[in-house]
Amino acid sequence: MGDHFQTIVDLDATAAEAPRLAEHVLDRLVTEGIVLAERTDRSFGHHLPGPHWHRAVDPADADWKPSDGLTVYTGRTIFHGGQGEPEWVRCPRCTTTTRLYTDEYDRIDAAWEPYGTAMDRWHATGAADVTCPACATPVPLPDWTWAHDYFAFAHLGFEFWNWPEFGEDFRTLLADALGGHRTVCVWGKF
C-alpha cells in the first residue's frame, strides 16, 4: 500500500513567472470545479477535490474518488518519483541511453556520479550541465529524459495525492492554462 502522487511539472516556466502561472492554473482548476479554492492544512494536498474532480481523471477511473488533494510548488524543485530510482537516462542531443543500473538492479556508480553532482549543483544554483558519455556534448540537466519520467527539474509543479490516473483532456487543459508550455507527469509513491 502507500500513498501515490501525480505531479504535472511545467518544464518551461521561469522562476519569475512560476507564481503567476500557479495562481492562474489554480484559478482555472477551481473554476472547473476540479479542486476547492480553500487551502487546508493536510499532509497530502492543500486543495481538496472539488465537485467535478472526475473531469481530471480517465473516464474508466471516474468511480474512484480521490482521497487527498493538490499541492502547488513554485520555486526551484527537483520533482521525483519517490520510491525506487530510474533505470536509465537519455541524452536529448544524440538519443543515447545510459544505463544507471545493471540487470541485477545494482546501481552503476560511475554512471550515476555525473548526474548526482549535477543535481546538487542545479538545486543550489539553478544551472548544471552533464556531458553526455556518448556524444561528449554538455547538456543542461533539465533537458535529459529519465526512465518513466522519474525526474523533472523545474520551478512549477502541481502535485495531486491519491487521485486516479489523469485523462488526456485534463493534461491538455493544464498545458493550455500554462500557455502551451511543455509538461511532464511525474508519478510516484511513498
N, C-alpha and C. Protein backbone atom coordinates (compact mmCIF):
# COMPACT_ATOMS: atom_id res chain seq x y z
N MET A 1 0.85 -1.17 0.00
CA MET A 1 0.00 0.00 0.00
C MET A 1 0.89 1.23 0.00
N GLY A 2 0.38 2.32 0.47
CA GLY A 2 1.11 3.56 0.50
C GLY A 2 0.33 4.64 -0.20
N ASP A 3 0.89 5.82 -0.22
CA ASP A 3 0.27 6.96 -0.88
C ASP A 3 0.99 7.21 -2.19
N HIS A 4 0.22 7.54 -3.22
CA HIS A 4 0.83 7.81 -4.52
C HIS A 4 0.47 9.22 -4.97
N PHE A 5 1.24 9.72 -5.91
CA PHE A 5 1.02 11.07 -6.41
C PHE A 5 1.29 11.13 -7.90
N GLN A 6 0.70 12.14 -8.51
CA GLN A 6 0.97 12.50 -9.90
C GLN A 6 1.30 13.99 -9.87
N THR A 7 2.44 14.36 -10.41
CA THR A 7 2.82 15.77 -10.44
C THR A 7 2.94 16.21 -11.88
N ILE A 8 2.11 17.17 -12.26
CA ILE A 8 2.24 17.79 -13.58
C ILE A 8 3.27 18.90 -13.43
N VAL A 9 4.39 18.76 -14.12
CA VAL A 9 5.50 19.70 -14.00
C VAL A 9 5.59 20.53 -15.27
N ASP A 10 5.66 21.85 -15.09
CA ASP A 10 5.85 22.78 -16.19
C ASP A 10 7.35 22.90 -16.45
N LEU A 11 7.81 22.40 -17.57
CA LEU A 11 9.25 22.38 -17.88
C LEU A 11 9.76 23.73 -18.39
N ASP A 12 8.85 24.64 -18.76
CA ASP A 12 9.27 25.90 -19.37
C ASP A 12 9.14 27.12 -18.47
N ALA A 13 8.38 27.04 -17.40
CA ALA A 13 8.16 28.21 -16.54
C ALA A 13 9.47 28.66 -15.90
N THR A 14 9.72 29.95 -15.94
CA THR A 14 10.88 30.51 -15.27
C THR A 14 10.55 30.74 -13.80
N ALA A 15 11.59 30.98 -13.00
CA ALA A 15 11.37 31.25 -11.58
C ALA A 15 10.49 32.48 -11.40
N ALA A 16 10.67 33.47 -12.26
CA ALA A 16 9.90 34.72 -12.14
C ALA A 16 8.44 34.53 -12.50
N GLU A 17 8.13 33.71 -13.49
CA GLU A 17 6.74 33.57 -13.91
C GLU A 17 5.98 32.46 -13.21
N ALA A 18 6.67 31.58 -12.48
CA ALA A 18 6.02 30.44 -11.84
C ALA A 18 4.90 30.85 -10.88
N PRO A 19 5.07 31.84 -9.99
CA PRO A 19 3.97 32.19 -9.08
C PRO A 19 2.71 32.67 -9.82
N ARG A 20 2.89 33.48 -10.86
CA ARG A 20 1.74 33.97 -11.63
C ARG A 20 1.04 32.81 -12.34
N LEU A 21 1.80 31.93 -12.95
CA LEU A 21 1.21 30.78 -13.63
C LEU A 21 0.52 29.84 -12.64
N ALA A 22 1.11 29.65 -11.47
CA ALA A 22 0.50 28.79 -10.45
C ALA A 22 -0.87 29.33 -10.06
N GLU A 23 -0.95 30.63 -9.84
CA GLU A 23 -2.22 31.25 -9.48
C GLU A 23 -3.25 31.12 -10.61
N HIS A 24 -2.79 31.33 -11.84
CA HIS A 24 -3.70 31.23 -13.00
C HIS A 24 -4.25 29.80 -13.13
N VAL A 25 -3.39 28.80 -13.01
CA VAL A 25 -3.84 27.42 -13.15
C VAL A 25 -4.75 27.03 -11.99
N LEU A 26 -4.38 27.43 -10.77
CA LEU A 26 -5.23 27.11 -9.62
C LEU A 26 -6.62 27.74 -9.80
N ASP A 27 -6.67 28.99 -10.25
CA ASP A 27 -7.97 29.63 -10.52
C ASP A 27 -8.77 28.83 -11.54
N ARG A 28 -8.10 28.35 -12.56
CA ARG A 28 -8.78 27.57 -13.60
C ARG A 28 -9.31 26.25 -13.04
N LEU A 29 -8.53 25.59 -12.21
CA LEU A 29 -8.96 24.33 -11.61
C LEU A 29 -10.13 24.54 -10.65
N VAL A 30 -10.13 25.65 -9.94
CA VAL A 30 -11.24 25.98 -9.05
C VAL A 30 -12.49 26.30 -9.88
N THR A 31 -12.34 27.10 -10.93
CA THR A 31 -13.46 27.45 -11.80
C THR A 31 -14.08 26.20 -12.43
N GLU A 32 -13.24 25.25 -12.81
CA GLU A 32 -13.72 24.00 -13.41
C GLU A 32 -14.31 23.05 -12.36
N GLY A 33 -14.14 23.38 -11.08
CA GLY A 33 -14.65 22.53 -10.01
C GLY A 33 -13.80 21.30 -9.75
N ILE A 34 -12.57 21.30 -10.23
CA ILE A 34 -11.69 20.14 -10.05
C ILE A 34 -11.11 20.11 -8.64
N VAL A 35 -10.75 21.28 -8.12
CA VAL A 35 -10.30 21.39 -6.73
C VAL A 35 -11.04 22.55 -6.07
N LEU A 36 -10.99 22.56 -4.74
CA LEU A 36 -11.61 23.64 -3.98
C LEU A 36 -10.59 24.77 -3.78
N ALA A 37 -11.09 25.99 -3.69
CA ALA A 37 -10.21 27.15 -3.53
C ALA A 37 -9.61 27.21 -2.13
N GLU A 38 -10.37 26.78 -1.14
CA GLU A 38 -9.90 26.87 0.25
C GLU A 38 -8.67 26.01 0.43
N ARG A 39 -7.73 26.57 1.16
CA ARG A 39 -6.48 25.85 1.43
C ARG A 39 -6.62 25.17 2.78
N THR A 40 -6.30 23.88 2.84
CA THR A 40 -6.36 23.12 4.08
C THR A 40 -4.95 22.87 4.59
N ASP A 41 -4.85 22.34 5.77
CA ASP A 41 -3.56 22.06 6.38
C ASP A 41 -3.29 20.57 6.40
N ARG A 42 -3.52 19.91 5.29
CA ARG A 42 -3.36 18.46 5.21
C ARG A 42 -1.95 18.07 4.79
N SER A 43 -1.58 16.86 5.13
CA SER A 43 -0.27 16.35 4.74
C SER A 43 -0.19 16.11 3.24
N PHE A 44 -1.30 15.60 2.66
CA PHE A 44 -1.29 15.22 1.26
C PHE A 44 -2.24 16.10 0.46
N GLY A 45 -1.78 17.27 0.11
CA GLY A 45 -2.55 18.16 -0.75
C GLY A 45 -3.29 19.22 0.02
N HIS A 46 -3.08 20.46 -0.36
CA HIS A 46 -3.68 21.59 0.35
C HIS A 46 -5.02 22.04 -0.25
N HIS A 47 -5.32 21.63 -1.46
CA HIS A 47 -6.60 21.96 -2.09
C HIS A 47 -7.33 20.66 -2.37
N LEU A 48 -8.41 20.42 -1.64
CA LEU A 48 -9.13 19.16 -1.74
C LEU A 48 -9.88 19.04 -3.06
N PRO A 49 -10.24 17.82 -3.45
CA PRO A 49 -11.00 17.63 -4.69
C PRO A 49 -12.31 18.42 -4.66
N GLY A 50 -12.64 19.02 -5.80
CA GLY A 50 -13.88 19.76 -5.92
C GLY A 50 -15.01 18.87 -6.41
N PRO A 51 -16.18 19.45 -6.61
CA PRO A 51 -17.34 18.64 -7.01
C PRO A 51 -17.21 18.01 -8.39
N HIS A 52 -16.32 18.54 -9.23
CA HIS A 52 -16.14 18.00 -10.59
C HIS A 52 -14.74 17.41 -10.78
N TRP A 53 -14.20 16.80 -9.71
CA TRP A 53 -12.87 16.21 -9.77
C TRP A 53 -12.76 15.20 -10.89
N HIS A 54 -13.87 14.54 -11.21
CA HIS A 54 -13.86 13.49 -12.23
C HIS A 54 -13.45 14.01 -13.61
N ARG A 55 -13.53 15.33 -13.83
CA ARG A 55 -13.09 15.91 -15.10
C ARG A 55 -11.59 15.77 -15.32
N ALA A 56 -10.86 15.50 -14.25
CA ALA A 56 -9.41 15.39 -14.34
C ALA A 56 -8.93 13.98 -14.65
N VAL A 57 -9.77 13.00 -14.41
CA VAL A 57 -9.28 11.63 -14.45
C VAL A 57 -9.78 10.88 -15.69
N ASP A 58 -9.11 9.77 -15.95
CA ASP A 58 -9.53 8.89 -17.04
C ASP A 58 -10.96 8.43 -16.76
N PRO A 59 -11.85 8.51 -17.74
CA PRO A 59 -13.24 8.12 -17.51
C PRO A 59 -13.40 6.71 -16.93
N ALA A 60 -12.49 5.82 -17.25
CA ALA A 60 -12.57 4.45 -16.72
C ALA A 60 -12.38 4.41 -15.21
N ASP A 61 -11.76 5.47 -14.64
CA ASP A 61 -11.49 5.51 -13.20
C ASP A 61 -12.38 6.49 -12.45
N ALA A 62 -13.42 6.99 -13.11
CA ALA A 62 -14.24 8.05 -12.51
C ALA A 62 -15.05 7.60 -11.30
N ASP A 63 -15.09 6.31 -11.01
CA ASP A 63 -15.81 5.85 -9.82
C ASP A 63 -14.89 5.75 -8.59
N TRP A 64 -13.62 6.06 -8.76
CA TRP A 64 -12.66 6.02 -7.66
C TRP A 64 -12.35 7.46 -7.23
N LYS A 65 -13.06 7.95 -6.23
CA LYS A 65 -12.90 9.33 -5.78
C LYS A 65 -11.54 9.52 -5.11
N PRO A 66 -10.84 10.63 -5.44
CA PRO A 66 -9.56 10.88 -4.80
C PRO A 66 -9.74 11.12 -3.30
N SER A 67 -8.78 10.66 -2.52
CA SER A 67 -8.87 10.81 -1.07
C SER A 67 -8.08 12.00 -0.55
N ASP A 68 -7.25 12.59 -1.36
CA ASP A 68 -6.45 13.73 -0.92
C ASP A 68 -6.45 14.80 -2.00
N GLY A 69 -5.62 15.82 -1.84
CA GLY A 69 -5.72 16.99 -2.69
C GLY A 69 -4.49 17.35 -3.48
N LEU A 70 -4.43 18.63 -3.83
CA LEU A 70 -3.40 19.22 -4.69
C LEU A 70 -2.50 20.13 -3.87
N THR A 71 -1.21 20.01 -4.09
CA THR A 71 -0.23 20.96 -3.57
C THR A 71 0.46 21.58 -4.78
N VAL A 72 0.60 22.90 -4.77
CA VAL A 72 1.26 23.62 -5.86
C VAL A 72 2.64 24.04 -5.38
N TYR A 73 3.66 23.70 -6.16
CA TYR A 73 5.04 24.05 -5.85
C TYR A 73 5.53 25.11 -6.81
N THR A 74 6.06 26.19 -6.25
CA THR A 74 6.76 27.19 -7.06
C THR A 74 8.16 27.34 -6.47
N GLY A 75 9.11 27.60 -7.30
CA GLY A 75 10.49 27.68 -6.87
C GLY A 75 11.27 26.49 -7.40
N ARG A 76 12.56 26.59 -7.36
CA ARG A 76 13.43 25.54 -7.90
C ARG A 76 13.19 24.24 -7.14
N THR A 77 12.76 23.21 -7.87
CA THR A 77 12.41 21.94 -7.25
C THR A 77 12.89 20.78 -8.11
N ILE A 78 13.41 19.76 -7.46
CA ILE A 78 13.70 18.50 -8.13
C ILE A 78 12.51 17.60 -7.86
N PHE A 79 11.66 17.43 -8.86
CA PHE A 79 10.50 16.56 -8.75
C PHE A 79 10.97 15.14 -9.05
N HIS A 80 10.53 14.19 -8.23
CA HIS A 80 11.00 12.81 -8.41
C HIS A 80 9.89 11.83 -8.06
N GLY A 81 10.08 10.60 -8.46
CA GLY A 81 9.07 9.57 -8.30
C GLY A 81 9.01 8.90 -6.94
N GLY A 82 9.75 9.37 -5.96
CA GLY A 82 9.66 8.79 -4.62
C GLY A 82 10.41 7.49 -4.51
N GLN A 83 9.70 6.38 -4.40
CA GLN A 83 10.34 5.08 -4.25
C GLN A 83 11.07 4.67 -5.52
N GLY A 84 12.17 3.95 -5.33
CA GLY A 84 12.92 3.47 -6.47
C GLY A 84 13.79 4.56 -7.08
N GLU A 85 14.38 4.23 -8.19
CA GLU A 85 15.22 5.17 -8.93
C GLU A 85 15.11 4.82 -10.41
N PRO A 86 15.47 5.76 -11.29
CA PRO A 86 15.37 5.49 -12.72
C PRO A 86 16.43 4.49 -13.17
N GLU A 87 16.04 3.64 -14.11
CA GLU A 87 16.96 2.63 -14.64
C GLU A 87 17.94 3.22 -15.65
N TRP A 88 17.52 4.30 -16.32
CA TRP A 88 18.36 4.87 -17.37
C TRP A 88 18.04 6.36 -17.53
N VAL A 89 18.90 7.04 -18.29
CA VAL A 89 18.72 8.44 -18.66
C VAL A 89 19.12 8.56 -20.13
N ARG A 90 18.44 9.45 -20.87
CA ARG A 90 18.68 9.57 -22.32
C ARG A 90 19.10 10.99 -22.68
N CYS A 91 20.14 11.07 -23.49
CA CYS A 91 20.64 12.36 -23.98
C CYS A 91 19.68 12.92 -25.02
N PRO A 92 19.27 14.18 -24.89
CA PRO A 92 18.37 14.76 -25.88
C PRO A 92 19.08 15.14 -27.19
N ARG A 93 20.40 15.17 -27.18
CA ARG A 93 21.15 15.55 -28.39
C ARG A 93 21.36 14.36 -29.32
N CYS A 94 21.86 13.25 -28.76
CA CYS A 94 22.20 12.10 -29.61
C CYS A 94 21.27 10.91 -29.38
N THR A 95 20.38 11.02 -28.41
CA THR A 95 19.39 10.00 -28.01
C THR A 95 20.00 8.71 -27.48
N THR A 96 21.27 8.76 -27.08
CA THR A 96 21.89 7.58 -26.48
C THR A 96 21.34 7.41 -25.06
N THR A 97 21.02 6.18 -24.72
CA THR A 97 20.53 5.85 -23.39
C THR A 97 21.69 5.34 -22.55
N THR A 98 21.85 5.91 -21.37
CA THR A 98 22.87 5.48 -20.42
C THR A 98 22.19 4.71 -19.30
N ARG A 99 22.58 3.47 -19.12
CA ARG A 99 22.01 2.64 -18.04
C ARG A 99 22.61 3.08 -16.71
N LEU A 100 21.76 3.20 -15.71
CA LEU A 100 22.18 3.59 -14.38
C LEU A 100 22.18 2.41 -13.41
N TYR A 101 21.59 1.28 -13.85
CA TYR A 101 21.51 0.06 -13.05
C TYR A 101 21.83 -1.14 -13.92
N THR A 102 22.39 -2.16 -13.31
CA THR A 102 22.65 -3.42 -14.03
C THR A 102 21.35 -4.21 -14.14
N ASP A 103 21.39 -5.32 -14.86
CA ASP A 103 20.23 -6.20 -14.96
C ASP A 103 19.86 -6.81 -13.61
N GLU A 104 20.80 -6.83 -12.66
CA GLU A 104 20.55 -7.35 -11.32
C GLU A 104 20.11 -6.22 -10.37
N TYR A 105 19.84 -5.03 -10.90
CA TYR A 105 19.39 -3.86 -10.15
C TYR A 105 20.43 -3.31 -9.19
N ASP A 106 21.67 -3.46 -9.55
CA ASP A 106 22.75 -2.83 -8.80
C ASP A 106 23.07 -1.50 -9.48
N ARG A 107 23.18 -0.47 -8.66
CA ARG A 107 23.47 0.86 -9.22
C ARG A 107 24.87 0.90 -9.80
N ILE A 108 24.99 1.54 -10.95
CA ILE A 108 26.29 1.73 -11.61
C ILE A 108 26.80 3.10 -11.17
N ASP A 109 27.62 3.10 -10.13
CA ASP A 109 28.04 4.36 -9.50
C ASP A 109 28.74 5.31 -10.47
N ALA A 110 29.57 4.77 -11.35
CA ALA A 110 30.29 5.63 -12.29
C ALA A 110 29.33 6.32 -13.26
N ALA A 111 28.24 5.65 -13.61
CA ALA A 111 27.25 6.27 -14.49
C ALA A 111 26.42 7.31 -13.73
N TRP A 112 26.08 7.04 -12.48
CA TRP A 112 25.25 7.93 -11.66
C TRP A 112 25.98 9.21 -11.27
N GLU A 113 27.26 9.12 -11.01
CA GLU A 113 28.02 10.21 -10.39
C GLU A 113 27.84 11.56 -11.09
N PRO A 114 27.98 11.66 -12.42
CA PRO A 114 27.84 12.99 -13.03
C PRO A 114 26.44 13.58 -12.85
N TYR A 115 25.42 12.73 -12.82
CA TYR A 115 24.05 13.22 -12.66
C TYR A 115 23.79 13.65 -11.22
N GLY A 116 24.29 12.86 -10.26
CA GLY A 116 24.14 13.24 -8.86
C GLY A 116 24.82 14.56 -8.55
N THR A 117 26.03 14.74 -9.07
CA THR A 117 26.76 16.00 -8.88
C THR A 117 25.99 17.16 -9.53
N ALA A 118 25.47 16.93 -10.73
CA ALA A 118 24.71 17.97 -11.42
C ALA A 118 23.41 18.31 -10.67
N MET A 119 22.77 17.31 -10.08
CA MET A 119 21.55 17.58 -9.31
C MET A 119 21.84 18.48 -8.12
N ASP A 120 22.92 18.22 -7.43
CA ASP A 120 23.30 19.08 -6.30
C ASP A 120 23.56 20.50 -6.78
N ARG A 121 24.28 20.64 -7.89
CA ARG A 121 24.60 21.96 -8.43
C ARG A 121 23.34 22.68 -8.90
N TRP A 122 22.45 21.95 -9.60
CA TRP A 122 21.21 22.56 -10.10
C TRP A 122 20.34 23.02 -8.93
N HIS A 123 20.24 22.20 -7.88
CA HIS A 123 19.42 22.56 -6.72
C HIS A 123 19.96 23.81 -6.05
N ALA A 124 21.28 23.94 -6.00
CA ALA A 124 21.91 25.09 -5.35
C ALA A 124 21.89 26.35 -6.20
N THR A 125 22.03 26.19 -7.52
CA THR A 125 22.24 27.37 -8.38
C THR A 125 21.20 27.55 -9.48
N GLY A 126 20.50 26.49 -9.84
CA GLY A 126 19.54 26.56 -10.94
C GLY A 126 20.14 26.28 -12.30
N ALA A 127 21.42 25.92 -12.33
CA ALA A 127 22.07 25.61 -13.61
C ALA A 127 23.09 24.49 -13.40
N ALA A 128 23.05 23.52 -14.30
CA ALA A 128 24.04 22.44 -14.27
C ALA A 128 23.96 21.67 -15.57
N ASP A 129 25.12 21.35 -16.11
CA ASP A 129 25.20 20.53 -17.32
C ASP A 129 25.78 19.17 -16.96
N VAL A 130 25.43 18.18 -17.78
CA VAL A 130 26.06 16.86 -17.72
C VAL A 130 26.58 16.59 -19.12
N THR A 131 27.84 16.22 -19.21
CA THR A 131 28.42 15.89 -20.51
C THR A 131 28.01 14.47 -20.87
N CYS A 132 27.40 14.34 -22.04
CA CYS A 132 26.93 13.03 -22.49
C CYS A 132 28.12 12.10 -22.67
N PRO A 133 28.06 10.89 -22.11
CA PRO A 133 29.17 9.95 -22.27
C PRO A 133 29.31 9.45 -23.70
N ALA A 134 28.29 9.59 -24.53
CA ALA A 134 28.36 9.10 -25.91
C ALA A 134 28.80 10.18 -26.89
N CYS A 135 28.16 11.35 -26.86
CA CYS A 135 28.47 12.39 -27.86
C CYS A 135 29.36 13.51 -27.33
N ALA A 136 29.69 13.45 -26.04
CA ALA A 136 30.58 14.41 -25.39
C ALA A 136 30.05 15.84 -25.41
N THR A 137 28.73 16.00 -25.56
CA THR A 137 28.11 17.32 -25.56
C THR A 137 27.62 17.67 -24.15
N PRO A 138 27.99 18.86 -23.63
CA PRO A 138 27.42 19.28 -22.35
C PRO A 138 25.93 19.62 -22.56
N VAL A 139 25.07 19.03 -21.75
CA VAL A 139 23.62 19.18 -21.90
C VAL A 139 23.06 19.64 -20.55
N PRO A 140 22.22 20.69 -20.54
CA PRO A 140 21.60 21.12 -19.28
C PRO A 140 20.83 19.97 -18.63
N LEU A 141 20.99 19.81 -17.34
CA LEU A 141 20.35 18.72 -16.61
C LEU A 141 18.84 18.63 -16.87
N PRO A 142 18.09 19.74 -16.89
CA PRO A 142 16.65 19.62 -17.11
C PRO A 142 16.26 19.08 -18.49
N ASP A 143 17.19 19.04 -19.45
CA ASP A 143 16.87 18.58 -20.79
C ASP A 143 16.94 17.06 -20.95
N TRP A 144 17.57 16.37 -20.02
CA TRP A 144 17.71 14.92 -20.10
C TRP A 144 16.36 14.25 -19.90
N THR A 145 16.16 13.09 -20.52
CA THR A 145 14.94 12.29 -20.35
C THR A 145 15.26 11.13 -19.42
N TRP A 146 14.42 10.96 -18.39
CA TRP A 146 14.65 9.93 -17.39
C TRP A 146 13.64 8.80 -17.58
N ALA A 147 14.05 7.58 -17.30
CA ALA A 147 13.16 6.43 -17.40
C ALA A 147 11.88 6.71 -16.61
N HIS A 148 10.75 6.47 -17.26
CA HIS A 148 9.44 6.64 -16.63
C HIS A 148 9.23 8.05 -16.08
N ASP A 149 9.88 9.05 -16.68
CA ASP A 149 9.78 10.44 -16.21
C ASP A 149 10.01 10.54 -14.70
N TYR A 150 11.02 9.83 -14.22
CA TYR A 150 11.28 9.77 -12.80
C TYR A 150 11.70 11.12 -12.22
N PHE A 151 12.48 11.90 -12.96
CA PHE A 151 12.93 13.22 -12.51
C PHE A 151 12.42 14.30 -13.44
N ALA A 152 12.16 15.48 -12.87
CA ALA A 152 11.92 16.71 -13.63
C ALA A 152 12.50 17.84 -12.80
N PHE A 153 13.17 18.75 -13.45
CA PHE A 153 13.86 19.86 -12.78
C PHE A 153 13.18 21.14 -13.25
N ALA A 154 12.45 21.80 -12.35
CA ALA A 154 11.61 22.91 -12.79
C ALA A 154 11.26 23.84 -11.63
N HIS A 155 10.52 24.88 -11.97
CA HIS A 155 10.10 25.89 -10.99
C HIS A 155 8.62 25.85 -10.68
N LEU A 156 7.88 24.93 -11.31
CA LEU A 156 6.43 24.90 -11.11
C LEU A 156 5.92 23.47 -11.26
N GLY A 157 5.17 23.02 -10.25
CA GLY A 157 4.59 21.68 -10.30
C GLY A 157 3.29 21.62 -9.54
N PHE A 158 2.38 20.79 -10.04
CA PHE A 158 1.05 20.60 -9.45
C PHE A 158 0.96 19.14 -9.02
N GLU A 159 1.07 18.90 -7.71
CA GLU A 159 1.17 17.55 -7.17
C GLU A 159 -0.17 17.11 -6.57
N PHE A 160 -0.77 16.10 -7.19
CA PHE A 160 -2.06 15.56 -6.76
C PHE A 160 -1.82 14.24 -6.04
N TRP A 161 -2.33 14.14 -4.80
CA TRP A 161 -2.13 12.96 -3.98
C TRP A 161 -3.34 12.06 -4.00
N ASN A 162 -3.09 10.78 -4.28
CA ASN A 162 -4.10 9.73 -4.20
C ASN A 162 -5.31 10.01 -5.09
N TRP A 163 -5.03 10.38 -6.33
CA TRP A 163 -6.06 10.58 -7.35
C TRP A 163 -5.96 9.45 -8.37
N PRO A 164 -7.07 9.12 -9.03
CA PRO A 164 -6.98 8.18 -10.15
C PRO A 164 -6.10 8.78 -11.26
N GLU A 165 -5.72 7.95 -12.21
CA GLU A 165 -4.88 8.40 -13.32
C GLU A 165 -5.56 9.53 -14.09
N PHE A 166 -4.77 10.56 -14.43
CA PHE A 166 -5.31 11.69 -15.17
C PHE A 166 -5.68 11.29 -16.59
N GLY A 167 -6.71 11.92 -17.13
CA GLY A 167 -7.08 11.74 -18.52
C GLY A 167 -6.32 12.70 -19.41
N GLU A 168 -6.26 12.39 -20.70
CA GLU A 168 -5.56 13.26 -21.65
C GLU A 168 -6.20 14.64 -21.74
N ASP A 169 -7.52 14.72 -21.64
CA ASP A 169 -8.19 16.03 -21.69
C ASP A 169 -7.71 16.94 -20.57
N PHE A 170 -7.51 16.37 -19.39
CA PHE A 170 -7.04 17.16 -18.26
C PHE A 170 -5.60 17.63 -18.47
N ARG A 171 -4.77 16.74 -18.96
CA ARG A 171 -3.38 17.15 -19.21
C ARG A 171 -3.32 18.24 -20.27
N THR A 172 -4.22 18.18 -21.27
CA THR A 172 -4.31 19.22 -22.29
C THR A 172 -4.80 20.53 -21.67
N LEU A 173 -5.79 20.45 -20.78
CA LEU A 173 -6.31 21.64 -20.10
C LEU A 173 -5.20 22.34 -19.33
N LEU A 174 -4.38 21.58 -18.61
CA LEU A 174 -3.28 22.19 -17.86
C LEU A 174 -2.24 22.81 -18.79
N ALA A 175 -1.88 22.10 -19.85
CA ALA A 175 -0.90 22.65 -20.80
C ALA A 175 -1.43 23.94 -21.42
N ASP A 176 -2.72 23.97 -21.75
CA ASP A 176 -3.32 25.19 -22.30
C ASP A 176 -3.29 26.32 -21.28
N ALA A 177 -3.65 26.01 -20.03
CA ALA A 177 -3.64 27.02 -18.98
C ALA A 177 -2.23 27.55 -18.72
N LEU A 178 -1.23 26.75 -19.05
CA LEU A 178 0.17 27.16 -18.88
C LEU A 178 0.71 27.83 -20.15
N GLY A 179 -0.16 28.19 -21.07
CA GLY A 179 0.27 28.88 -22.28
C GLY A 179 0.98 27.98 -23.27
N GLY A 180 0.66 26.69 -23.25
CA GLY A 180 1.29 25.77 -24.19
C GLY A 180 2.67 25.30 -23.76
N HIS A 181 3.05 25.56 -22.52
CA HIS A 181 4.35 25.09 -22.04
C HIS A 181 4.43 23.57 -22.09
N ARG A 182 5.64 23.06 -22.24
CA ARG A 182 5.87 21.63 -22.18
C ARG A 182 5.64 21.16 -20.74
N THR A 183 4.97 20.02 -20.62
CA THR A 183 4.76 19.45 -19.28
C THR A 183 5.16 17.98 -19.29
N VAL A 184 5.38 17.47 -18.11
CA VAL A 184 5.64 16.05 -17.91
C VAL A 184 4.90 15.66 -16.64
N CYS A 185 4.46 14.42 -16.59
CA CYS A 185 3.79 13.90 -15.40
C CYS A 185 4.74 12.96 -14.67
N VAL A 186 5.13 13.36 -13.46
CA VAL A 186 5.99 12.54 -12.63
C VAL A 186 5.08 11.74 -11.69
N TRP A 187 5.17 10.43 -11.80
CA TRP A 187 4.39 9.54 -10.94
C TRP A 187 5.26 9.10 -9.79
N GLY A 188 4.63 8.85 -8.66
CA GLY A 188 5.42 8.36 -7.55
C GLY A 188 4.59 7.79 -6.43
N LYS A 189 5.29 7.22 -5.48
CA LYS A 189 4.65 6.57 -4.33
C LYS A 189 5.57 6.67 -3.13
N PHE A 190 4.97 6.85 -1.97
CA PHE A 190 5.70 6.82 -0.71
C PHE A 190 5.06 5.82 0.20
